[in-house]
Amino acid sequence: MFVRNKMTSQPFTISPDQTIVEAQALIDKNKVKRLPVVKNGRLVGIVAESDIERASPSKATALSMREAIYILSKTKISSIMTKNPVTIHSGALLEEAALLMRDKDIGCLPVVDDEKLVGIIT
């Protein structure tokens, strides 16, 4: 079986110029854990819920909720995303995708054909 048979086609994406607040809203609304970051139709990165958590102020911070939200609303995805993520093509075998995810210790693979994002596999 091939990656194309099990991937999610047309995944929810975000632009590197969008903010952490926008990414969190997309993640919450669509019940996903990761968003491919796309610019001009090309994959430039990936941002995960865990990246957002790391970038967010600690609960022990002296910042007020309003200040924390302000900071997150100004922080661009490009500053927290994983650049040049590991990818796979849609014609690869599922076993190849599973091994790649295990070997790289990653939870998903963006699926890229002809330099364009066509899906995601988790």
PDB file of N, CA and C in Angstrom:
ATOM      1  N   MET A   1       0.851  -1.171   0.000  1.00  0.00           N
ATOM      2  CA  MET A   1       0.000   0.000   0.000  1.00  0.00           C
ATOM      3  C   MET A   1       0.902   1.240   0.000  1.00  0.00           C
ATOM      4  N   PHE A   2       0.404   2.288  -0.628  1.00  0.00           N
ATOM      5  CA  PHE A   2       1.184   3.502  -0.795  1.00  0.00           C
ATOM      6  C   PHE A   2       0.718   4.609   0.151  1.00  0.00           C
ATOM      7  N   VAL A   3       1.605   5.561   0.375  1.00  0.00           N
ATOM      8  CA  VAL A   3       1.300   6.720   1.214  1.00  0.00           C
ATOM      9  C   VAL A   3       0.034   7.407   0.710  1.00  0.00           C
ATOM     10  N   ARG A   4      -0.124   7.547  -0.604  1.00  0.00           N
ATOM     11  CA  ARG A   4      -1.289   8.250  -1.170  1.00  0.00           C
ATOM     12  C   ARG A   4      -2.613   7.617  -0.739  1.00  0.00           C
ATOM     13  N   ASN A   5      -2.579   6.322  -0.398  1.00  0.00           N
ATOM     14  CA  ASN A   5      -3.803   5.622  -0.008  1.00  0.00           C
ATOM     15  C   ASN A   5      -4.225   5.911   1.432  1.00  0.00           C
ATOM     16  N   LYS A   6      -3.314   6.389   2.257  1.00  0.00           N
ATOM     17  CA  LYS A   6      -3.614   6.607   3.677  1.00  0.00           C
ATOM     18  C   LYS A   6      -3.410   8.046   4.143  1.00  0.00           C
ATOM     19  N   MET A   7      -2.846   8.890   3.287  1.00  0.00           N
ATOM     20  CA  MET A   7      -2.571  10.267   3.701  1.00  0.00           C
ATOM     21  C   MET A   7      -3.863  11.074   3.776  1.00  0.00           C
ATOM     22  N   THR A   8      -3.810  12.152   4.534  1.00  0.00           N
ATOM     23  CA  THR A   8      -4.884  13.134   4.539  1.00  0.00           C
ATOM     24  C   THR A   8      -4.559  14.126   3.434  1.00  0.00           C
ATOM     25  N   SER A   9      -5.401  14.171   2.415  1.00  0.00           N
ATOM     26  CA  SER A   9      -5.196  15.115   1.313  1.00  0.00           C
ATOM     27  C   SER A   9      -5.654  16.502   1.738  1.00  0.00           C
ATOM     28  N   GLN A  10      -5.062  17.508   1.150  1.00  0.00           N
ATOM     29  CA  GLN A  10      -5.412  18.900   1.422  1.00  0.00           C
ATOM     30  C   GLN A  10      -5.476  19.184   2.923  1.00  0.00           C
ATOM     31  N   PRO A  11      -4.363  18.979   3.624  1.00  0.00           N
ATOM     32  CA  PRO A  11      -4.370  19.232   5.069  1.00  0.00           C
ATOM     33  C   PRO A  11      -4.526  20.722   5.370  1.00  0.00           C
ATOM     34  N   PHE A  12      -4.974  21.007   6.571  1.00  0.00           N
ATOM     35  CA  PHE A  12      -5.031  22.394   7.019  1.00  0.00           C
ATOM     36  C   PHE A  12      -3.602  22.903   7.079  1.00  0.00           C
ATOM     37  N   THR A  13      -3.377  24.121   6.596  1.00  0.00           N
ATOM     38  CA  THR A  13      -2.031  24.696   6.579  1.00  0.00           C
ATOM     39  C   THR A  13      -2.061  26.097   7.161  1.00  0.00           C
ATOM     40  N   ILE A  14      -0.873  26.625   7.375  1.00  0.00           N
ATOM     41  CA  ILE A  14      -0.723  27.982   7.875  1.00  0.00           C
ATOM     42  C   ILE A  14       0.453  28.627   7.160  1.00  0.00           C
ATOM     43  N   SER A  15       0.454  29.937   7.102  1.00  0.00           N
ATOM     44  CA  SER A  15       1.535  30.705   6.480  1.00  0.00           C
ATOM     45  C   SER A  15       2.585  31.048   7.539  1.00  0.00           C
ATOM     46  N   PRO A  16       3.851  31.175   7.151  1.00  0.00           N
ATOM     47  CA  PRO A  16       4.878  31.539   8.134  1.00  0.00           C
ATOM     48  C   PRO A  16       4.670  32.932   8.722  1.00  0.00           C
ATOM     49  N   ASP A  17       3.883  33.770   8.039  1.00  0.00           N
ATOM     50  CA  ASP A  17       3.636  35.125   8.525  1.00  0.00           C
ATOM     51  C   ASP A  17       2.452  35.217   9.478  1.00  0.00           C
ATOM     52  N   GLN A  18       1.717  34.127   9.630  1.00  0.00           N
ATOM     53  CA  GLN A  18       0.621  34.128  10.592  1.00  0.00           C
ATOM     54  C   GLN A  18       1.183  33.977  12.005  1.00  0.00           C
ATOM     55  N   THR A  19       0.336  34.181  12.994  1.00  0.00           N
ATOM     56  CA  THR A  19       0.794  34.227  14.382  1.00  0.00           C
ATOM     57  C   THR A  19       0.485  32.941  15.141  1.00  0.00           C
ATOM     58  N   ILE A  20       1.092  32.852  16.314  1.00  0.00           N
ATOM     59  CA  ILE A  20       0.848  31.714  17.196  1.00  0.00           C
ATOM     60  C   ILE A  20      -0.630  31.628  17.573  1.00  0.00           C
ATOM     61  N   VAL A  21      -1.257  32.758  17.833  1.00  0.00           N
ATOM     62  CA  VAL A  21      -2.680  32.762  18.186  1.00  0.00           C
ATOM     63  C   VAL A  21      -3.507  32.178  17.038  1.00  0.00           C
ATOM     64  N   GLU A  22      -3.180  32.543  15.808  1.00  0.00           N
ATOM     65  CA  GLU A  22      -3.906  32.013  14.650  1.00  0.00           C
ATOM     66  C   GLU A  22      -3.673  30.506  14.497  1.00  0.00           C
ATOM     67  N   ALA A  23      -2.440  30.071  14.724  1.00  0.00           N
ATOM     68  CA  ALA A  23      -2.130  28.638  14.631  1.00  0.00           C
ATOM     69  C   ALA A  23      -2.901  27.855  15.685  1.00  0.00           C
ATOM     70  N   GLN A  24      -2.922  28.350  16.905  1.00  0.00           N
ATOM     71  CA  GLN A  24      -3.635  27.644  17.971  1.00  0.00           C
ATOM     72  C   GLN A  24      -5.125  27.566  17.660  1.00  0.00           C
ATOM     73  N   ALA A  25      -5.676  28.632  17.105  1.00  0.00           N
ATOM     74  CA  ALA A  25      -7.095  28.625  16.735  1.00  0.00           C
ATOM     75  C   ALA A  25      -7.374  27.564  15.662  1.00  0.00           C
ATOM     76  N   LEU A  26      -6.498  27.451  14.663  1.00  0.00           N
ATOM     77  CA  LEU A  26      -6.658  26.428  13.615  1.00  0.00           C
ATOM     78  C   LEU A  26      -6.545  25.021  14.186  1.00  0.00           C
ATOM     79  N   ILE A  27      -5.585  24.827  15.065  1.00  0.00           N
ATOM     80  CA  ILE A  27      -5.381  23.523  15.700  1.00  0.00           C
ATOM     81  C   ILE A  27      -6.613  23.131  16.516  1.00  0.00           C
ATOM     82  N   ASP A  28      -7.099  24.064  17.312  1.00  0.00           N
ATOM     83  CA  ASP A  28      -8.276  23.787  18.149  1.00  0.00           C
ATOM     84  C   ASP A  28      -9.526  23.532  17.302  1.00  0.00           C
ATOM     85  N   LYS A  29      -9.763  24.392  16.325  1.00  0.00           N
ATOM     86  CA  LYS A  29     -10.969  24.292  15.496  1.00  0.00           C
ATOM     87  C   LYS A  29     -11.010  22.987  14.704  1.00  0.00           C
ATOM     88  N   ASN A  30      -9.860  22.577  14.185  1.00  0.00           N
ATOM     89  CA  ASN A  30      -9.812  21.419  13.290  1.00  0.00           C
ATOM     90  C   ASN A  30      -9.344  20.136  13.963  1.00  0.00           C
ATOM     91  N   LYS A  31      -9.079  20.226  15.267  1.00  0.00           N
ATOM     92  CA  LYS A  31      -8.686  19.054  16.064  1.00  0.00           C
ATOM     93  C   LYS A  31      -7.497  18.306  15.450  1.00  0.00           C
ATOM     94  N   VAL A  32      -6.445  19.078  15.147  1.00  0.00           N
ATOM     95  CA  VAL A  32      -5.195  18.507  14.638  1.00  0.00           C
ATOM     96  C   VAL A  32      -4.076  18.849  15.611  1.00  0.00           C
ATOM     97  N   LYS A  33      -2.952  18.188  15.480  1.00  0.00           N
ATOM     98  CA  LYS A  33      -1.821  18.441  16.369  1.00  0.00           C
ATOM     99  C   LYS A  33      -0.682  19.173  15.669  1.00  0.00           C
ATOM    100  N   ARG A  34      -0.707  19.162  14.326  1.00  0.00           N
ATOM    101  CA  ARG A  34       0.374  19.770  13.559  1.00  0.00           C
ATOM    102  C   ARG A  34      -0.196  20.485  12.344  1.00  0.00           C
ATOM    103  N   LEU A  35       0.499  21.550  11.935  1.00  0.00           N
ATOM    104  CA  LEU A  35       0.113  22.274  10.730  1.00  0.00           C
ATOM    105  C   LEU A  35       1.324  22.420   9.818  1.00  0.00           C
ATOM    106  N   PRO A  36       1.233  21.965   8.576  1.00  0.00           N
ATOM    107  CA  PRO A  36       2.289  22.284   7.627  1.00  0.00           C
ATOM    108  C   PRO A  36       2.303  23.799   7.395  1.00  0.00           C
ATOM    109  N   VAL A  37       3.490  24.351   7.251  1.00  0.00           N
ATOM    110  CA  VAL A  37       3.648  25.784   7.006  1.00  0.00           C
ATOM    111  C   VAL A  37       3.985  25.944   5.525  1.00  0.00           C
ATOM    112  N   VAL A  38       3.136  26.680   4.810  1.00  0.00           N
ATOM    113  CA  VAL A  38       3.248  26.782   3.356  1.00  0.00           C
ATOM    114  C   VAL A  38       3.361  28.246   2.946  1.00  0.00           C
ATOM    115  N   LYS A  39       4.298  28.500   2.023  1.00  0.00           N
ATOM    116  CA  LYS A  39       4.467  29.842   1.455  1.00  0.00           C
ATOM    117  C   LYS A  39       4.548  29.689  -0.059  1.00  0.00           C
ATOM    118  N   ASN A  40       3.700  30.412  -0.772  1.00  0.00           N
ATOM    119  CA  ASN A  40       3.650  30.343  -2.240  1.00  0.00           C
ATOM    120  C   ASN A  40       3.505  28.903  -2.737  1.00  0.00           C
ATOM    121  N   GLY A  41       2.682  28.124  -2.046  1.00  0.00           N
ATOM    122  CA  GLY A  41       2.415  26.756  -2.458  1.00  0.00           C
ATOM    123  C   GLY A  41       3.484  25.743  -2.091  1.00  0.00           C
ATOM    124  N   ARG A  42       4.553  26.185  -1.471  1.00  0.00           N
ATOM    125  CA  ARG A  42       5.658  25.282  -1.125  1.00  0.00           C
ATOM    126  C   ARG A  42       5.759  25.113   0.390  1.00  0.00           C
ATOM    127  N   LEU A  43       6.053  23.890   0.791  1.00  0.00           N
ATOM    128  CA  LEU A  43       6.240  23.584   2.205  1.00  0.00           C
ATOM    129  C   LEU A  43       7.538  24.222   2.692  1.00  0.00           C
ATOM    130  N   VAL A  44       7.455  25.031   3.745  1.00  0.00           N
ATOM    131  CA  VAL A  44       8.659  25.663   4.303  1.00  0.00           C
ATOM    132  C   VAL A  44       8.914  25.241   5.745  1.00  0.00           C
ATOM    133  N   GLY A  45       7.939  24.553   6.347  1.00  0.00           N
ATOM    134  CA  GLY A  45       8.116  24.132   7.728  1.00  0.00           C
ATOM    135  C   GLY A  45       6.901  23.390   8.237  1.00  0.00           C
ATOM    136  N   ILE A  46       6.955  23.097   9.523  1.00  0.00           N
ATOM    137  CA  ILE A  46       5.812  22.471  10.192  1.00  0.00           C
ATOM    138  C   ILE A  46       5.784  23.007  11.614  1.00  0.00           C
ATOM    139  N   VAL A  47       4.599  23.237  12.129  1.00  0.00           N
ATOM    140  CA  VAL A  47       4.460  23.704  13.505  1.00  0.00           C
ATOM    141  C   VAL A  47       3.525  22.746  14.229  1.00  0.00           C
ATOM    142  N   ALA A  48       3.945  22.341  15.409  1.00  0.00           N
ATOM    143  CA  ALA A  48       3.175  21.399  16.219  1.00  0.00           C
ATOM    144  C   ALA A  48       2.638  22.103  17.454  1.00  0.00           C
ATOM    145  N   GLU A  49       1.628  21.503  18.021  1.00  0.00           N
ATOM    146  CA  GLU A  49       1.062  22.021  19.264  1.00  0.00           C
ATOM    147  C   GLU A  49       2.154  22.156  20.328  1.00  0.00           C
ATOM    148  N   SER A  50       3.082  21.218  20.351  1.00  0.00           N
ATOM    149  CA  SER A  50       4.175  21.270  21.332  1.00  0.00           C
ATOM    150  C   SER A  50       5.095  22.468  21.091  1.00  0.00           C
ATOM    151  N   ASP A  51       5.272  22.887  19.840  1.00  0.00           N
ATOM    152  CA  ASP A  51       6.068  24.086  19.544  1.00  0.00           C
ATOM    153  C   ASP A  51       5.391  25.320  20.129  1.00  0.00           C
ATOM    154  N   ILE A  52       4.078  25.365  20.006  1.00  0.00           N
ATOM    155  CA  ILE A  52       3.309  26.491  20.540  1.00  0.00           C
ATOM    156  C   ILE A  52       3.402  26.513  22.058  1.00  0.00           C
ATOM    157  N   GLU A  53       3.295  25.348  22.683  1.00  0.00           N
ATOM    158  CA  GLU A  53       3.405  25.272  24.146  1.00  0.00           C
ATOM    159  C   GLU A  53       4.768  25.766  24.619  1.00  0.00           C
ATOM    160  N   ARG A  54       5.836  25.368  23.915  1.00  0.00           N
ATOM    161  CA  ARG A  54       7.186  25.811  24.296  1.00  0.00           C
ATOM    162  C   ARG A  54       7.359  27.319  24.131  1.00  0.00           C
ATOM    163  N   ALA A  55       6.702  27.890  23.130  1.00  0.00           N
ATOM    164  CA  ALA A  55       6.831  29.322  22.867  1.00  0.00           C
ATOM    165  C   ALA A  55       5.948  30.166  23.779  1.00  0.00           C
ATOM    166  N   SER A  56       4.977  29.540  24.411  1.00  0.00           N
ATOM    167  CA  SER A  56       4.040  30.267  25.269  1.00  0.00           C
ATOM    168  C   SER A  56       4.667  30.560  26.625  1.00  0.00           C
ATOM    169  N   PRO A  57       4.283  31.694  27.224  1.00  0.00           N
ATOM    170  CA  PRO A  57       4.803  32.006  28.559  1.00  0.00           C
ATOM    171  C   PRO A  57       4.401  30.937  29.575  1.00  0.00           C
ATOM    172  N   SER A  58       5.262  30.700  30.527  1.00  0.00           N
ATOM    173  CA  SER A  58       5.001  29.743  31.598  1.00  0.00           C
ATOM    174  C   SER A  58       3.814  30.202  32.433  1.00  0.00           C
ATOM    175  N   LYS A  59       3.113  29.258  33.016  1.00  0.00           N
ATOM    176  CA  LYS A  59       2.004  29.608  33.913  1.00  0.00           C
ATOM    177  C   LYS A  59       2.510  30.372  35.137  1.00  0.00           C
ATOM    178  N   ALA A  60       3.795  30.227  35.435  1.00  0.00           N
ATOM    179  CA  ALA A  60       4.379  30.897  36.591  1.00  0.00           C
ATOM    180  C   ALA A  60       4.889  32.300  36.254  1.00  0.00           C
ATOM    181  N   THR A  61       4.636  32.759  35.038  1.00  0.00           N
ATOM    182  CA  THR A  61       5.132  34.065  34.620  1.00  0.00           C
ATOM    183  C   THR A  61       4.436  35.194  35.371  1.00  0.00           C
ATOM    184  N   ALA A  62       5.107  36.316  35.421  1.00  0.00           N
ATOM    185  CA  ALA A  62       4.529  37.503  36.047  1.00  0.00           C
ATOM    186  C   ALA A  62       3.657  38.275  35.055  1.00  0.00           C
ATOM    187  N   LEU A  63       3.621  37.815  33.808  1.00  0.00           N
ATOM    188  CA  LEU A  63       2.799  38.487  32.803  1.00  0.00           C
ATOM    189  C   LEU A  63       1.314  38.265  33.085  1.00  0.00           C
ATOM    190  N   SER A  64       0.528  39.286  32.806  1.00  0.00           N
ATOM    191  CA  SER A  64      -0.921  39.114  32.899  1.00  0.00           C
ATOM    192  C   SER A  64      -1.384  38.311  31.683  1.00  0.00           C
ATOM    193  N   MET A  65      -2.585  37.790  31.750  1.00  0.00           N
ATOM    194  CA  MET A  65      -3.140  37.031  30.627  1.00  0.00           C
ATOM    195  C   MET A  65      -3.175  37.910  29.379  1.00  0.00           C
ATOM    196  N   ARG A  66      -3.546  39.157  29.555  1.00  0.00           N
ATOM    197  CA  ARG A  66      -3.620  40.094  28.428  1.00  0.00           C
ATOM    198  C   ARG A  66      -2.244  40.286  27.792  1.00  0.00           C
ATOM    199  N   GLU A  67      -1.208  40.418  28.617  1.00  0.00           N
ATOM    200  CA  GLU A  67       0.153  40.591  28.090  1.00  0.00           C
ATOM    201  C   GLU A  67       0.622  39.336  27.354  1.00  0.00           C
ATOM    202  N   ALA A  68       0.323  38.179  27.902  1.00  0.00           N
ATOM    203  CA  ALA A  68       0.723  36.918  27.268  1.00  0.00           C
ATOM    204  C   ALA A  68       0.040  36.763  25.909  1.00  0.00           C
ATOM    205  N   ILE A  69      -1.245  37.045  25.852  1.00  0.00           N
ATOM    206  CA  ILE A  69      -1.978  36.944  24.584  1.00  0.00           C
ATOM    207  C   ILE A  69      -1.435  37.946  23.574  1.00  0.00           C
ATOM    208  N   TYR A  70      -1.089  39.134  24.040  1.00  0.00           N
ATOM    209  CA  TYR A  70      -0.519  40.144  23.143  1.00  0.00           C
ATOM    210  C   TYR A  70       0.785  39.635  22.526  1.00  0.00           C
ATOM    211  N   ILE A  71       1.646  39.067  23.347  1.00  0.00           N
ATOM    212  CA  ILE A  71       2.926  38.544  22.847  1.00  0.00           C
ATOM    213  C   ILE A  71       2.679  37.444  21.817  1.00  0.00           C
ATOM    214  N   LEU A  72       1.785  36.518  22.124  1.00  0.00           N
ATOM    215  CA  LEU A  72       1.496  35.415  21.204  1.00  0.00           C
ATOM    216  C   LEU A  72       0.832  35.901  19.918  1.00  0.00           C
ATOM    217  N   SER A  73       0.093  36.994  20.007  1.00  0.00           N
ATOM    218  CA  SER A  73      -0.570  37.528  18.813  1.00  0.00           C
ATOM    219  C   SER A  73       0.401  38.277  17.910  1.00  0.00           C
ATOM    220  N   LYS A  74       1.595  38.553  18.400  1.00  0.00           N
ATOM    221  CA  LYS A  74       2.618  39.239  17.599  1.00  0.00           C
ATOM    222  C   LYS A  74       3.730  38.298  17.139  1.00  0.00           C
ATOM    223  N   THR A  75       3.795  37.101  17.703  1.00  0.00           N
ATOM    224  CA  THR A  75       4.872  36.161  17.370  1.00  0.00           C
ATOM    225  C   THR A  75       4.500  35.370  16.121  1.00  0.00           C
ATOM    226  N   LYS A  76       5.346  35.452  15.111  1.00  0.00           N
ATOM    227  CA  LYS A  76       5.106  34.781  13.825  1.00  0.00           C
ATOM    228  C   LYS A  76       5.451  33.292  13.908  1.00  0.00           C
ATOM    229  N   ILE A  77       4.728  32.509  13.152  1.00  0.00           N
ATOM    230  CA  ILE A  77       4.971  31.066  13.070  1.00  0.00           C
ATOM    231  C   ILE A  77       6.391  30.791  12.595  1.00  0.00           C
ATOM    232  N   SER A  78       6.907  31.622  11.713  1.00  0.00           N
ATOM    233  CA  SER A  78       8.261  31.413  11.179  1.00  0.00           C
ATOM    234  C   SER A  78       9.315  31.360  12.276  1.00  0.00           C
ATOM    235  N   SER A  79       9.037  31.972  13.418  1.00  0.00           N
ATOM    236  CA  SER A  79      10.031  31.993  14.498  1.00  0.00           C
ATOM    237  C   SER A  79       9.995  30.739  15.375  1.00  0.00           C
ATOM    238  N   ILE A  80       8.943  29.928  15.264  1.00  0.00           N
ATOM    239  CA  ILE A  80       8.866  28.727  16.113  1.00  0.00           C
ATOM    240  C   ILE A  80       8.755  27.427  15.323  1.00  0.00           C
ATOM    241  N   MET A  81       8.532  27.519  14.014  1.00  0.00           N
ATOM    242  CA  MET A  81       8.317  26.306  13.209  1.00  0.00           C
ATOM    243  C   MET A  81       9.610  25.520  13.034  1.00  0.00           C
ATOM    244  N   THR A  82       9.458  24.245  12.731  1.00  0.00           N
ATOM    245  CA  THR A  82      10.584  23.411  12.325  1.00  0.00           C
ATOM    246  C   THR A  82      10.773  23.643  10.835  1.00  0.00           C
ATOM    247  N   LYS A  83      11.934  24.174  10.490  1.00  0.00           N
ATOM    248  CA  LYS A  83      12.220  24.460   9.084  1.00  0.00           C
ATOM    249  C   LYS A  83      12.713  23.196   8.383  1.00  0.00           C
ATOM    250  N   ASN A  84      12.458  23.099   7.092  1.00  0.00           N
ATOM    251  CA  ASN A  84      12.898  21.964   6.273  1.00  0.00           C
ATOM    252  C   ASN A  84      12.539  20.619   6.910  1.00  0.00           C
ATOM    253  N   PRO A  85      11.259  20.374   7.159  1.00  0.00           N
ATOM    254  CA  PRO A  85      10.877  19.106   7.790  1.00  0.00           C
ATOM    255  C   PRO A  85      11.142  17.916   6.871  1.00  0.00           C
ATOM    256  N   VAL A  86      11.264  16.761   7.480  1.00  0.00           N
ATOM    257  CA  VAL A  86      11.403  15.509   6.737  1.00  0.00           C
ATOM    258  C   VAL A  86      10.088  15.286   5.992  1.00  0.00           C
ATOM    259  N   THR A  87      10.176  14.913   4.722  1.00  0.00           N
ATOM    260  CA  THR A  87       8.980  14.697   3.906  1.00  0.00           C
ATOM    261  C   THR A  87       9.046  13.336   3.214  1.00  0.00           C
ATOM    262  N   ILE A  88       7.957  12.992   2.576  1.00  0.00           N
ATOM    263  CA  ILE A  88       7.890  11.755   1.791  1.00  0.00           C
ATOM    264  C   ILE A  88       7.012  12.036   0.580  1.00  0.00           C
ATOM    265  N   HIS A  89       7.133  11.252  -0.474  1.00  0.00           N
ATOM    266  CA  HIS A  89       6.287  11.449  -1.655  1.00  0.00           C
ATOM    267  C   HIS A  89       5.123  10.457  -1.623  1.00  0.00           C
ATOM    268  N   SER A  90       4.082  10.791  -2.333  1.00  0.00           N
ATOM    269  CA  SER A  90       2.845  10.000  -2.257  1.00  0.00           C
ATOM    270  C   SER A  90       2.990   8.589  -2.812  1.00  0.00           C
ATOM    271  N   GLY A  91       3.987   8.358  -3.646  1.00  0.00           N
ATOM    272  CA  GLY A  91       4.194   7.034  -4.215  1.00  0.00           C
ATOM    273  C   GLY A  91       5.041   6.111  -3.367  1.00  0.00           C
ATOM    274  N   ALA A  92       5.504   6.606  -2.220  1.00  0.00           N
ATOM    275  CA  ALA A  92       6.312   5.769  -1.324  1.00  0.00           C
ATOM    276  C   ALA A  92       5.425   4.720  -0.657  1.00  0.00           C
ATOM    277  N   LEU A  93       6.041   3.625  -0.280  1.00  0.00           N
ATOM    278  CA  LEU A  93       5.318   2.581   0.442  1.00  0.00           C
ATOM    279  C   LEU A  93       5.031   3.036   1.867  1.00  0.00           C
ATOM    280  N   LEU A  94       3.904   2.604   2.414  1.00  0.00           N
ATOM    281  CA  LEU A  94       3.557   2.935   3.802  1.00  0.00           C
ATOM    282  C   LEU A  94       4.641   2.474   4.767  1.00  0.00           C
ATOM    283  N   GLU A  95       5.228   1.327   4.494  1.00  0.00           N
ATOM    284  CA  GLU A  95       6.293   0.807   5.353  1.00  0.00           C
ATOM    285  C   GLU A  95       7.472   1.770   5.400  1.00  0.00           C
ATOM    286  N   GLU A  96       7.789   2.380   4.259  1.00  0.00           N
ATOM    287  CA  GLU A  96       8.878   3.357   4.197  1.00  0.00           C
ATOM    288  C   GLU A  96       8.555   4.565   5.074  1.00  0.00           C
ATOM    289  N   ALA A  97       7.312   5.021   5.022  1.00  0.00           N
ATOM    290  CA  ALA A  97       6.889   6.156   5.844  1.00  0.00           C
ATOM    291  C   ALA A  97       6.991   5.811   7.326  1.00  0.00           C
ATOM    292  N   ALA A  98       6.536   4.620   7.695  1.00  0.00           N
ATOM    293  CA  ALA A  98       6.582   4.194   9.097  1.00  0.00           C
ATOM    294  C   ALA A  98       8.018   4.111   9.600  1.00  0.00           C
ATOM    295  N   LEU A  99       8.900   3.554   8.799  1.00  0.00           N
ATOM    296  CA  LEU A  99      10.312   3.452   9.196  1.00  0.00           C
ATOM    297  C   LEU A  99      10.950   4.829   9.322  1.00  0.00           C
ATOM    298  N   LEU A 100      10.644   5.710   8.398  1.00  0.00           N
ATOM    299  CA  LEU A 100      11.199   7.061   8.432  1.00  0.00           C
ATOM    300  C   LEU A 100      10.733   7.805   9.683  1.00  0.00           C
ATOM    301  N   MET A 101       9.454   7.671  10.010  1.00  0.00           N
ATOM    302  CA  MET A 101       8.925   8.326  11.206  1.00  0.00           C
ATOM    303  C   MET A 101       9.565   7.752  12.467  1.00  0.00           C
ATOM    304  N   ARG A 102       9.749   6.445  12.495  1.00  0.00           N
ATOM    305  CA  ARG A 102      10.392   5.815  13.654  1.00  0.00           C
ATOM    306  C   ARG A 102      11.851   6.253  13.768  1.00  0.00           C
ATOM    307  N   ASP A 103      12.582   6.187  12.667  1.00  0.00           N
ATOM    308  CA  ASP A 103      14.006   6.513  12.690  1.00  0.00           C
ATOM    309  C   ASP A 103      14.272   7.975  13.029  1.00  0.00           C
ATOM    310  N   LYS A 104      13.399   8.866  12.581  1.00  0.00           N
ATOM    311  CA  LYS A 104      13.570  10.308  12.838  1.00  0.00           C
ATOM    312  C   LYS A 104      12.832  10.754  14.096  1.00  0.00           C
ATOM    313  N   ASP A 105      12.091   9.834  14.731  1.00  0.00           N
ATOM    314  CA  ASP A 105      11.320  10.128  15.940  1.00  0.00           C
ATOM    315  C   ASP A 105      10.381  11.318  15.724  1.00  0.00           C
ATOM    316  N   ILE A 106       9.580  11.211  14.670  1.00  0.00           N
ATOM    317  CA  ILE A 106       8.620  12.266  14.345  1.00  0.00           C
ATOM    318  C   ILE A 106       7.216  11.671  14.251  1.00  0.00           C
ATOM    319  N   GLY A 107       6.218  12.512  14.484  1.00  0.00           N
ATOM    320  CA  GLY A 107       4.842  12.041  14.531  1.00  0.00           C
ATOM    321  C   GLY A 107       4.067  12.168  13.240  1.00  0.00           C
ATOM    322  N   CYS A 108       4.652  12.833  12.251  1.00  0.00           N
ATOM    323  CA  CYS A 108       3.958  12.968  10.975  1.00  0.00           C
ATOM    324  C   CYS A 108       4.961  13.251   9.869  1.00  0.00           C
ATOM    325  N   LEU A 109       4.499  13.033   8.655  1.00  0.00           N
ATOM    326  CA  LEU A 109       5.303  13.348   7.474  1.00  0.00           C
ATOM    327  C   LEU A 109       4.450  14.151   6.502  1.00  0.00           C
ATOM    328  N   PRO A 110       4.883  15.354   6.155  1.00  0.00           N
ATOM    329  CA  PRO A 110       4.222  16.041   5.054  1.00  0.00           C
ATOM    330  C   PRO A 110       4.493  15.250   3.771  1.00  0.00           C
ATOM    331  N   VAL A 111       3.492  15.154   2.924  1.00  0.00           N
ATOM    332  CA  VAL A 111       3.622  14.432   1.658  1.00  0.00           C
ATOM    333  C   VAL A 111       3.782  15.478   0.557  1.00  0.00           C
ATOM    334  N   VAL A 112       4.916  15.406  -0.138  1.00  0.00           N
ATOM    335  CA  VAL A 112       5.268  16.416  -1.138  1.00  0.00           C
ATOM    336  C   VAL A 112       5.544  15.732  -2.474  1.00  0.00           C
ATOM    337  N   ASP A 113       4.850  16.197  -3.503  1.00  0.00           N
ATOM    338  CA  ASP A 113       5.087  15.748  -4.877  1.00  0.00           C
ATOM    339  C   ASP A 113       5.384  16.976  -5.730  1.00  0.00           C
ATOM    340  N   ASP A 114       6.430  16.908  -6.530  1.00  0.00           N
ATOM    341  CA  ASP A 114       6.802  18.026  -7.409  1.00  0.00           C
ATOM    342  C   ASP A 114       6.879  19.345  -6.634  1.00  0.00           C
ATOM    343  N   GLU A 115       7.484  19.285  -5.460  1.00  0.00           N
ATOM    344  CA  GLU A 115       7.715  20.447  -4.593  1.00  0.00           C
ATOM    345  C   GLU A 115       6.437  21.084  -4.054  1.00  0.00           C
ATOM    346  N   LYS A 116       5.308  20.406  -4.165  1.00  0.00           N
ATOM    347  CA  LYS A 116       4.033  20.915  -3.654  1.00  0.00           C
ATOM    348  C   LYS A 116       3.503  19.985  -2.572  1.00  0.00           C
ATOM    349  N   LEU A 117       2.973  20.572  -1.503  1.00  0.00           N
ATOM    350  CA  LEU A 117       2.348  19.788  -0.439  1.00  0.00           C
ATOM    351  C   LEU A 117       1.044  19.195  -0.967  1.00  0.00           C
ATOM    352  N   VAL A 118       0.927  17.877  -0.888  1.00  0.00           N
ATOM    353  CA  VAL A 118      -0.297  17.212  -1.360  1.00  0.00           C
ATOM    354  C   VAL A 118      -1.031  16.484  -0.239  1.00  0.00           C
ATOM    355  N   GLY A 119      -0.392  16.375   0.927  1.00  0.00           N
ATOM    356  CA  GLY A 119      -1.038  15.678   2.027  1.00  0.00           C
ATOM    357  C   GLY A 119      -0.147  15.599   3.245  1.00  0.00           C
ATOM    358  N   ILE A 120      -0.639  14.863   4.235  1.00  0.00           N
ATOM    359  CA  ILE A 120       0.118  14.629   5.467  1.00  0.00           C
ATOM    360  C   ILE A 120      -0.247  13.229   5.952  1.00  0.00           C
ATOM    361  N   ILE A 121       0.716  12.552   6.512  1.00  0.00           N
ATOM    362  CA  ILE A 121       0.452  11.216   7.058  1.00  0.00           C
ATOM    363  C   ILE A 121       0.938  11.187   8.499  1.00  0.00           C
ATOM    364  N   THR A 122       0.096  10.635   9.378  1.00  0.00           N
ATOM    365  CA  THR A 122       0.442  10.586  10.804  1.00  0.00           C
ATOM    366  C   THR A 122       0.464   9.153  11.291  1.00  0.00           C
TER     367      THR A 122
END
